[in-house]
PDB file of N, CA and C in Angstrom:
ATOM      1  N   MET A   1       0.572  -1.197   0.208  1.00  0.00           N
ATOM      2  CA  MET A   1      -0.283   0.436  -0.129  1.00  0.00           C
ATOM      3  C   MET A   1       0.990   1.748   0.166  1.00  0.00           C
ATOM      4  N   SER A   2       0.320   2.160  -0.771  1.00  0.00           N
ATOM      5  CA  SER A   2       1.448   3.444  -0.807  1.00  0.00           C
ATOM      6  C   SER A   2       0.659   4.903   0.198  1.00  0.00           C
ATOM      7  N   ILE A   3       0.318   4.502   1.447  1.00  0.00           N
ATOM      8  CA  ILE A   3      -0.662   5.237   1.770  1.00  0.00           C
ATOM      9  C   ILE A   3       0.491   4.816   3.264  1.00  0.00           C
ATOM     10  N   VAL A   4       1.089   5.898   4.300  1.00  0.00           N
ATOM     11  CA  VAL A   4       1.709   5.152   5.160  1.00  0.00           C
ATOM     12  C   VAL A   4       1.181   5.666   6.497  1.00  0.00           C
ATOM     13  N   VAL A   5       1.425   5.561   7.075  1.00  0.00           N
ATOM     14  CA  VAL A   5      -0.630   5.806   8.328  1.00  0.00           C
ATOM     15  C   VAL A   5       1.259   6.179   9.911  1.00  0.00           C
ATOM     16  N   ASN A   6       1.000   7.521   9.779  1.00  0.00           N
ATOM     17  CA  ASN A   6       2.278   7.851  10.805  1.00  0.00           C
ATOM     18  C   ASN A   6       1.602   8.176  12.694  1.00  0.00           C
ATOM     19  N   LEU A   7       0.329   8.033  12.451  1.00  0.00           N
ATOM     20  CA  LEU A   7       0.218   8.111  14.020  1.00  0.00           C
ATOM     21  C   LEU A   7       1.428   7.294  15.093  1.00  0.00           C
ATOM     22  N   ASP A   8       1.981   6.471  14.722  1.00  0.00           N
ATOM     23  CA  ASP A   8       3.103   6.547  15.862  1.00  0.00           C
ATOM     24  C   ASP A   8       3.596   7.441  16.262  1.00  0.00           C
ATOM     25  N   VAL A   9       4.142   8.582  14.476  1.00  0.00           N
ATOM     26  CA  VAL A   9       5.541   9.540  15.123  1.00  0.00           C
ATOM     27  C   VAL A   9       4.812  10.605  16.294  1.00  0.00           C
ATOM     28  N   MET A  10       3.640  10.840  15.415  1.00  0.00           N
ATOM     29  CA  MET A  10       3.241  11.780  16.117  1.00  0.00           C
ATOM     30  C   MET A  10       3.254  12.243  18.272  1.00  0.00           C
ATOM     31  N   LEU A  11       1.984  10.561  18.610  1.00  0.00           N
ATOM     32  CA  LEU A  11       1.653  10.114  19.184  1.00  0.00           C
ATOM     33  C   LEU A  11       2.979  10.634  21.008  1.00  0.00           C
ATOM     34  N   ALA A  12       4.645  10.162  19.354  1.00  0.00           N
ATOM     35  CA  ALA A  12       5.707  10.243  20.353  1.00  0.00           C
ATOM     36  C   ALA A  12       6.171  11.636  20.811  1.00  0.00           C
ATOM     37  N   LYS A  13       5.367  12.362  19.240  1.00  0.00           N
ATOM     38  CA  LYS A  13       6.232  14.241  19.597  1.00  0.00           C
ATOM     39  C   LYS A  13       5.071  14.768  20.251  1.00  0.00           C
ATOM     40  N   ARG A  14       4.477  14.291  20.927  1.00  0.00           N
ATOM     41  CA  ARG A  14       2.754  14.983  22.444  1.00  0.00           C
ATOM     42  C   ARG A  14       3.215  13.958  22.828  1.00  0.00           C
ATOM     43  N   LYS A  15       4.450  13.024  23.403  1.00  0.00           N
ATOM     44  CA  LYS A  15       4.727  11.770  24.553  1.00  0.00           C
ATOM     45  C   LYS A  15       2.980  12.154  24.743  1.00  0.00           C
ATOM     46  N   MET A  16       2.426  11.340  24.029  1.00  0.00           N
ATOM     47  CA  MET A  16       0.975  10.496  24.134  1.00  0.00           C
ATOM     48  C   MET A  16       1.275   8.778  23.697  1.00  0.00           C
ATOM     49  N   LYS A  17       0.321   8.094  25.311  1.00  0.00           N
ATOM     50  CA  LYS A  17      -0.218   6.874  24.851  1.00  0.00           C
ATOM     51  C   LYS A  17      -0.840   6.506  23.556  1.00  0.00           C
ATOM     52  N   LEU A  18      -0.652   5.703  22.530  1.00  0.00           N
ATOM     53  CA  LEU A  18      -2.662   5.490  22.441  1.00  0.00           C
ATOM     54  C   LEU A  18      -3.466   5.231  22.879  1.00  0.00           C
ATOM     55  N   LYS A  19      -3.273   4.303  24.291  1.00  0.00           N
ATOM     56  CA  LYS A  19      -4.043   4.148  25.095  1.00  0.00           C
ATOM     57  C   LYS A  19      -4.983   6.349  25.192  1.00  0.00           C
ATOM     58  N   ASP A  20      -3.775   6.321  25.755  1.00  0.00           N
ATOM     59  CA  ASP A  20      -4.976   8.143  26.249  1.00  0.00           C
ATOM     60  C   ASP A  20      -5.231   8.659  25.286  1.00  0.00           C
ATOM     61  N   LEU A  21      -4.788   8.675  23.697  1.00  0.00           N
ATOM     62  CA  LEU A  21      -5.106   8.776  22.526  1.00  0.00           C
ATOM     63  C   LEU A  21      -6.362   8.487  22.347  1.00  0.00           C
ATOM     64  N   ALA A  22      -7.215   7.340  22.675  1.00  0.00           N
ATOM     65  CA  ALA A  22      -8.046   6.791  23.087  1.00  0.00           C
ATOM     66  C   ALA A  22      -9.385   6.575  23.303  1.00  0.00           C
ATOM     67  N   GLU A  23      -8.765   6.574  24.808  1.00  0.00           N
ATOM     68  CA  GLU A  23      -9.531   7.045  25.922  1.00  0.00           C
ATOM     69  C   GLU A  23     -10.623   8.370  25.764  1.00  0.00           C
ATOM     70  N   THR A  24     -10.013   9.915  24.820  1.00  0.00           N
ATOM     71  CA  THR A  24      -9.929  10.968  24.539  1.00  0.00           C
ATOM     72  C   THR A  24     -11.499  10.783  23.627  1.00  0.00           C
ATOM     73  N   ILE A  25     -10.320  10.323  21.714  1.00  0.00           N
ATOM     74  CA  ILE A  25     -11.580  10.450  21.151  1.00  0.00           C
ATOM     75  C   ILE A  25     -12.659   9.681  21.296  1.00  0.00           C
ATOM     76  N   GLY A  26     -12.263   8.542  22.142  1.00  0.00           N
ATOM     77  CA  GLY A  26     -13.205   7.937  23.046  1.00  0.00           C
ATOM     78  C   GLY A  26     -13.597   5.955  21.586  1.00  0.00           C
ATOM     79  N   LEU A  27     -12.483   5.661  20.737  1.00  0.00           N
ATOM     80  CA  LEU A  27     -11.888   5.210  20.575  1.00  0.00           C
ATOM     81  C   LEU A  27     -11.940   3.223  21.782  1.00  0.00           C
ATOM     82  N   SER A  28     -11.794   2.361  20.762  1.00  0.00           N
ATOM     83  CA  SER A  28     -11.169   1.403  21.063  1.00  0.00           C
ATOM     84  C   SER A  28      -9.858   1.094  21.242  1.00  0.00           C
ATOM     85  N   GLU A  29      -8.848   0.243  22.028  1.00  0.00           N
ATOM     86  CA  GLU A  29      -7.282   1.561  22.173  1.00  0.00           C
ATOM     87  C   GLU A  29      -7.150  -0.269  20.513  1.00  0.00           C
ATOM     88  N   THR A  30      -8.162  -0.899  20.731  1.00  0.00           N
ATOM     89  CA  THR A  30      -7.439  -1.915  19.818  1.00  0.00           C
ATOM     90  C   THR A  30      -7.857  -1.253  18.413  1.00  0.00           C
ATOM     91  N   ASN A  31      -8.892  -0.660  17.292  1.00  0.00           N
ATOM     92  CA  ASN A  31      -9.047   0.716  17.080  1.00  0.00           C
ATOM     93  C   ASN A  31      -7.806   1.086  16.364  1.00  0.00           C
ATOM     94  N   LEU A  32      -7.634   1.793  17.281  1.00  0.00           N
ATOM     95  CA  LEU A  32      -6.873   2.157  16.466  1.00  0.00           C
ATOM     96  C   LEU A  32      -4.747   2.078  16.342  1.00  0.00           C
ATOM     97  N   SER A  33      -5.304   1.146  17.583  1.00  0.00           N
ATOM     98  CA  SER A  33      -4.051   0.668  17.138  1.00  0.00           C
ATOM     99  C   SER A  33      -3.673  -0.204  15.673  1.00  0.00           C
ATOM    100  N   LEU A  34      -4.821  -0.340  14.921  1.00  0.00           N
ATOM    101  CA  LEU A  34      -5.195  -1.343  13.491  1.00  0.00           C
ATOM    102  C   LEU A  34      -4.703  -0.458  12.491  1.00  0.00           C
ATOM    103  N   LEU A  35      -4.651   0.863  13.176  1.00  0.00           N
ATOM    104  CA  LEU A  35      -4.930   2.206  12.221  1.00  0.00           C
ATOM    105  C   LEU A  35      -3.627   2.597  12.277  1.00  0.00           C
ATOM    106  N   LYS A  36      -2.748   2.864  13.812  1.00  0.00           N
ATOM    107  CA  LYS A  36      -1.198   3.207  14.013  1.00  0.00           C
ATOM    108  C   LYS A  36      -0.629   1.708  13.234  1.00  0.00           C
ATOM    109  N   THR A  37      -0.969   0.308  12.935  1.00  0.00           N
ATOM    110  CA  THR A  37      -0.425  -0.053  12.286  1.00  0.00           C
ATOM    111  C   THR A  37      -0.132  -0.771  10.699  1.00  0.00           C
ATOM    112  N   GLY A  38      -1.118   0.709  10.290  1.00  0.00           N
ATOM    113  CA  GLY A  38      -1.911   0.341   8.729  1.00  0.00           C
ATOM    114  C   GLY A  38      -2.289  -0.473   8.469  1.00  0.00           C
ATOM    115  N   LYS A  39      -2.873  -1.492   9.384  1.00  0.00           N
ATOM    116  CA  LYS A  39      -4.186  -2.542   8.686  1.00  0.00           C
ATOM    117  C   LYS A  39      -5.159  -2.273   8.804  1.00  0.00           C
ATOM    118  N   VAL A  40      -5.072  -1.188   8.054  1.00  0.00           N
ATOM    119  CA  VAL A  40      -6.897   0.052   8.502  1.00  0.00           C
ATOM    120  C   VAL A  40      -6.707  -0.202   6.411  1.00  0.00           C
ATOM    121  N   LYS A  41      -8.513   0.175   6.005  1.00  0.00           N
ATOM    122  CA  LYS A  41      -8.444   0.441   4.129  1.00  0.00           C
ATOM    123  C   LYS A  41      -8.831   1.696   4.482  1.00  0.00           C
ATOM    124  N   GLY A  42      -9.041   2.117   5.349  1.00  0.00           N
ATOM    125  CA  GLY A  42      -9.704   3.933   6.173  1.00  0.00           C
ATOM    126  C   GLY A  42     -10.609   3.832   7.068  1.00  0.00           C
ATOM    127  N   ILE A  43     -10.024   5.535   6.863  1.00  0.00           N
ATOM    128  CA  ILE A  43     -10.362   5.450   8.341  1.00  0.00           C
ATOM    129  C   ILE A  43     -11.776   6.972   8.263  1.00  0.00           C
ATOM    130  N   ARG A  44     -12.457   7.265   9.453  1.00  0.00           N
ATOM    131  CA  ARG A  44     -14.079   7.949   8.413  1.00  0.00           C
ATOM    132  C   ARG A  44     -13.216   9.516   9.371  1.00  0.00           C
ATOM    133  N   PHE A  45     -13.648  10.605   8.538  1.00  0.00           N
ATOM    134  CA  PHE A  45     -12.972  12.096   8.603  1.00  0.00           C
ATOM    135  C   PHE A  45     -13.556  11.852  10.262  1.00  0.00           C
ATOM    136  N   ASN A  46     -14.571  11.761  10.754  1.00  0.00           N
ATOM    137  CA  ASN A  46     -14.587  12.403  11.563  1.00  0.00           C
ATOM    138  C   ASN A  46     -13.733  11.605  12.965  1.00  0.00           C
ATOM    139  N   THR A  47     -13.518  10.215  13.091  1.00  0.00           N
ATOM    140  CA  THR A  47     -11.910  10.241  13.478  1.00  0.00           C
ATOM    141  C   THR A  47     -11.281  10.866  13.123  1.00  0.00           C
ATOM    142  N   LEU A  48     -10.727  11.359  12.115  1.00  0.00           N
ATOM    143  CA  LEU A  48      -9.331  12.064  11.736  1.00  0.00           C
ATOM    144  C   LEU A  48      -9.087  13.416  12.332  1.00  0.00           C
ATOM    145  N   ASP A  49     -10.102  13.545  12.316  1.00  0.00           N
ATOM    146  CA  ASP A  49     -10.406  14.767  12.981  1.00  0.00           C
ATOM    147  C   ASP A  49     -10.692  14.900  14.052  1.00  0.00           C
ATOM    148  N   SER A  50     -11.312  14.207  14.992  1.00  0.00           N
ATOM    149  CA  SER A  50     -10.888  13.891  16.343  1.00  0.00           C
ATOM    150  C   SER A  50      -8.833  13.900  17.002  1.00  0.00           C
ATOM    151  N   ILE A  51      -8.914  12.996  15.802  1.00  0.00           N
ATOM    152  CA  ILE A  51      -7.204  12.673  15.600  1.00  0.00           C
ATOM    153  C   ILE A  51      -6.539  14.216  16.100  1.00  0.00           C
ATOM    154  N   CYS A  52      -7.024  14.621  15.180  1.00  0.00           N
ATOM    155  CA  CYS A  52      -5.773  15.786  14.943  1.00  0.00           C
ATOM    156  C   CYS A  52      -6.386  17.148  15.710  1.00  0.00           C
ATOM    157  N   GLU A  53      -7.626  16.773  16.292  1.00  0.00           N
ATOM    158  CA  GLU A  53      -7.716  18.205  16.974  1.00  0.00           C
ATOM    159  C   GLU A  53      -7.839  17.851  19.007  1.00  0.00           C
ATOM    160  N   ILE A  54      -6.121  17.129  18.703  1.00  0.00           N
ATOM    161  CA  ILE A  54      -6.694  15.789  20.001  1.00  0.00           C
ATOM    162  C   ILE A  54      -4.508  16.308  20.114  1.00  0.00           C
ATOM    163  N   LEU A  55      -3.806  15.621  18.861  1.00  0.00           N
ATOM    164  CA  LEU A  55      -2.250  16.308  18.703  1.00  0.00           C
ATOM    165  C   LEU A  55      -2.265  17.374  17.922  1.00  0.00           C
ATOM    166  N   GLU A  56      -3.289  18.134  17.506  1.00  0.00           N
ATOM    167  CA  GLU A  56      -2.683  19.342  17.574  1.00  0.00           C
ATOM    168  C   GLU A  56      -1.913  19.405  16.599  1.00  0.00           C
ATOM    169  N   CYS A  57      -2.576  18.651  14.951  1.00  0.00           N
ATOM    170  CA  CYS A  57      -1.532  18.239  14.022  1.00  0.00           C
ATOM    171  C   CYS A  57      -2.350  18.727  12.479  1.00  0.00           C
ATOM    172  N   GLN A  58      -2.337  18.472  11.336  1.00  0.00           N
ATOM    173  CA  GLN A  58      -2.796  18.472  10.306  1.00  0.00           C
ATOM    174  C   GLN A  58      -3.117  16.385   9.913  1.00  0.00           C
ATOM    175  N   PRO A  59      -4.149  15.898   9.171  1.00  0.00           N
ATOM    176  CA  PRO A  59      -4.089  15.507   8.142  1.00  0.00           C
ATOM    177  C   PRO A  59      -2.948  14.742   7.751  1.00  0.00           C
ATOM    178  N   GLY A  60      -1.907  15.734   6.883  1.00  0.00           N
ATOM    179  CA  GLY A  60      -0.597  14.827   6.366  1.00  0.00           C
ATOM    180  C   GLY A  60       0.386  14.983   7.570  1.00  0.00           C
ATOM    181  N   ASP A  61       0.012  14.850   8.588  1.00  0.00           N
ATOM    182  CA  ASP A  61       0.943  14.928   9.369  1.00  0.00           C
ATOM    183  C   ASP A  61       0.923  13.060   9.926  1.00  0.00           C
ATOM    184  N   ILE A  62      -0.201  12.667  10.299  1.00  0.00           N
ATOM    185  CA  ILE A  62      -0.555  11.542   9.843  1.00  0.00           C
ATOM    186  C   ILE A  62      -0.654  10.235   8.791  1.00  0.00           C
ATOM    187  N   LEU A  63      -0.892  11.282   7.431  1.00  0.00           N
ATOM    188  CA  LEU A  63      -1.103   9.961   7.219  1.00  0.00           C
ATOM    189  C   LEU A  63      -0.905  10.386   5.547  1.00  0.00           C
ATOM    190  N   GLU A  64       0.813   9.645   4.778  1.00  0.00           N
ATOM    191  CA  GLU A  64       1.648  10.733   3.525  1.00  0.00           C
ATOM    192  C   GLU A  64       1.576   8.785   3.187  1.00  0.00           C
ATOM    193  N   HIS A  65       1.178   8.970   1.212  1.00  0.00           N
ATOM    194  CA  HIS A  65       0.943   9.258   0.588  1.00  0.00           C
ATOM    195  C   HIS A  65       2.375   8.445  -0.015  1.00  0.00           C
ATOM    196  N   ILE A  66       3.346   7.257  -0.005  1.00  0.00           N
ATOM    197  CA  ILE A  66       4.485   6.881  -0.857  1.00  0.00           C
ATOM    198  C   ILE A  66       4.505   6.189  -2.390  1.00  0.00           C
ATOM    199  N   PRO A  67       4.989   7.219  -3.459  1.00  0.00           N
ATOM    200  CA  PRO A  67       5.283   5.985  -4.346  1.00  0.00           C
ATOM    201  C   PRO A  67       5.425   4.550  -4.723  1.00  0.00           C
ATOM    202  N   PRO A  68       4.587   4.404  -5.266  1.00  0.00           N
ATOM    203  CA  PRO A  68       4.658   2.481  -5.708  1.00  0.00           C
ATOM    204  C   PRO A  68       5.868   2.158  -5.148  1.00  0.00           C
ATOM    205  N   ASP A  69       6.647   2.831  -6.422  1.00  0.00           N
ATOM    206  CA  ASP A  69       8.306   2.947  -7.057  1.00  0.00           C
ATOM    207  C   ASP A  69       8.931   3.158  -5.437  1.00  0.00           C
ATOM    208  N   SER A  70       9.157   3.909  -4.756  1.00  0.00           N
ATOM    209  CA  SER A  70       9.880   4.133  -3.430  1.00  0.00           C
ATOM    210  C   SER A  70       9.816   3.364  -2.855  1.00  0.00           C
ATOM    211  N   LEU A  71       8.363   2.802  -2.611  1.00  0.00           N
ATOM    212  CA  LEU A  71       8.437   0.903  -1.439  1.00  0.00           C
ATOM    213  C   LEU A  71       9.486   0.147  -2.346  1.00  0.00           C
ATOM    214  N   SER A  72       8.787   0.163  -3.321  1.00  0.00           N
ATOM    215  CA  SER A  72       9.682  -1.554  -4.087  1.00  0.00           C
ATOM    216  C   SER A  72      11.264  -1.243  -4.242  1.00  0.00           C
ATOM    217  N   ASP A  73      11.063   0.141  -4.232  1.00  0.00           N
ATOM    218  CA  ASP A  73      13.226   0.375  -4.017  1.00  0.00           C
ATOM    219  C   ASP A  73      13.264   0.671  -2.834  1.00  0.00           C
ATOM    220  N   ALA A  74      12.758   0.481  -1.708  1.00  0.00           N
ATOM    221  CA  ALA A  74      12.860   0.698   0.306  1.00  0.00           C
ATOM    222  C   ALA A  74      13.710  -1.314   0.078  1.00  0.00           C
ATOM    223  N   THR A  75      12.683  -1.250  -0.004  1.00  0.00           N
ATOM    224  CA  THR A  75      11.795  -3.147  -0.341  1.00  0.00           C
ATOM    225  C   THR A  75      13.292  -3.513  -0.976  1.00  0.00           C
ATOM    226  N   ALA A  76      13.705  -3.950  -1.588  1.00  0.00           N
ATOM    227  CA  ALA A  76      15.051  -4.013  -2.606  1.00  0.00           C
ATOM    228  C   ALA A  76      15.904  -3.765  -1.865  1.00  0.00           C
ATOM    229  N   LYS A  77      16.395  -2.655  -1.436  1.00  0.00           N
ATOM    230  CA  LYS A  77      17.651  -1.649  -0.890  1.00  0.00           C
ATOM    231  C   LYS A  77      17.266  -2.947   0.647  1.00  0.00           C
ATOM    232  N   THR A  78      16.480  -3.813   1.162  1.00  0.00           N
ATOM    233  CA  THR A  78      16.394  -3.959   2.434  1.00  0.00           C
ATOM    234  C   THR A  78      17.344  -4.834   2.852  1.00  0.00           C
ATOM    235  N   LYS A  79      17.059  -5.882   0.919  1.00  0.00           N
ATOM    236  CA  LYS A  79      17.037  -7.127   1.331  1.00  0.00           C
ATOM    237  C   LYS A  79      19.100  -7.691   1.045  1.00  0.00           C
TER     238      LYS A  79
END
């Protein structure tokens, strides 16, 4: 997938735990963890809005598009 979720980076920058964010926005820690690891196929805008509001960031701070060619290049270099 060429969309990378940087939620863990933003949590670290804000010195916040996933559990605390989950409680604050009213999502289960499991669902937020799945988002953090990129194992979801989508995110509701209201969820993204809540995350951005709490972490005081923009959606682009959390979601990043990496062109497929860049992903295959990075994978090839690590092998």
